[in-house]
Amino acid sequence: MERTLINELGGKKGSEVTIKGWVSVRRDQGKMVFFDFRDRTGAVQGVTLPNSPAIEVAKEVRNEYVVAVTGKVNERPEKNRNDKVQNGDIELEILGIEVLAKAEIPFELGTEVNLDTHLDHLPYTLRSQRSRDIFTMQSSILDAYRNSLRAHGFTEFVAPALVGGDAEGGAAAFKVDYFYERSAFLATSPQFYKQIMVGPFERAFTVAKIFRAEKSATTRHLSEATCLDFEMGFINDEREPMAVLEAVVKDTVRAVAEKHADIFERMGTTAPLVPEEFPVFTLAEAQEIVAREYNRTIEDTRDMSPEDERQICEYAKKNMGSDFVFITRFPTAKRAFYTYEDPSEAPMSRGFDLLFRGLEINSGAQRIHDYDTLVQRMKDRGLDPSKFSYYLEAFKVGMPPHGGSSTGLERFTARMLEIPNVKEATSFPRDMGRIDHSLGND
């Protein structure tokens, strides 16, 4: 019999069907055995009655067995209906069960375990409702982000993961042996490539894997992450990429709020607060507010500390109805070498960060577009321009004023669902102490 997906069962009342999926829950009540089955489309309850030809097999089936189940779709009695769940008005009367694969599970799926145990058993724990919710949300964030950028006239390209040098000019990078005894690096950013792509497309974006070898063991850092990067030409200042970023984030929040109200509810949170305009503070303004409102002394006035970020977001939510906050006017010396500084605004740059529910999820700026100025900035930072000749050719042949930003997908997902550790919003996280067990050298 042809397979019926679980979300199609509501239209099959009174019919005999075959579903295929996993056993989420098994409840043996002696003469009868109840099951909750799931496939990619949802879940349904099934029951094996005492006189069913499947009763003996049903008593052997356990959680996470992969099965093909034949049964009759019956309406539930009125007293047993549950309109709050999928297929709450029907039940599958099981007539036959074929075990496609048995399962030996380390613990019951959905059991509350610590994060290390969860990550140690990812091939299993990714099947939990919580993990499926997180990565369903992440997939929708990706779709919405892409769709919004395309609607704003951006062209997607694929940035390389193997590069000839470190795009940030100093961030710790993973070195790779390359052909002919040359060295390469895993990309720490698609920055150079998206700037180059302004030349052919004016507006370009990429979804890129990036790799950072910093020895950071925090709830917000990863050794491998995914960045949603865009770059746009012919801008007047950083406010133009900020405006595009704000529009794209609003489109993304709107899309996931409409599509995933159930996920927000199960995760115990709500869709983010999005005002008509995101609050914008200079670094100095934000730190002055934090110092005043939270009776603190700011130790580093050149950058936002994690506590600064958390508290300015708390202030903006309470007083401005926003879960998002832009911070601008960072010292040029604290930003990447390609960040633009207008002489009249020195020593402040035209860089910005976007904070979301207490965490920086995005960094961006207007970039230097003049070849001579860019070369001089490199020299001022102790960089050798000859090592950046490939990148610099884009400027030698003419580049318009341009700027863009980079959003961390895992951070965005984590803050969307208020997950405390970014590793849980990463399907297969890599950090200093973790890479797949038994898949490489110990």
Foldseek 3Di string as FASTA:
>chain_A
DDEDAPLCLVVQAQHKHKHWFFWQDWDCPDQKIKTWGHDPPFIAIEMEGNPAPAVVVSVVADGGFTKIWIFHKHFDPPVQADPVGRHSGIYTYTRHIDGPGHDDDPDRAPPDDDPVVCQLPLVPNCPHPLNVLLVVLLVLLVVLLVVLLVVVQAAEDEADQKAADEPLVDFAWAWDQDPPRHIITGYQDSVLVQQLVCVVRQKYWYWYKHAGPDQDDDLEDFRIFIKTKMKHFDDDWLVVQVVSVLSSVVSSLVRCQVVPVVSLVVLVHHRFFRDPDAAEEELVRLVVCCCVVVVDDDPDSQDADLVSLQVSLVVCCVPPVGQKYKYAFHFPVVGGLFFADDPVSPRTTRKMFMGGNRHTFKIKTWGDLALVSSCVSCVVVVHDVVSVVVSSVSSVVPGGGMMIMMGTSLVVSCRRSVPRGSVSSPSNTHHPPDDRPPPDDD
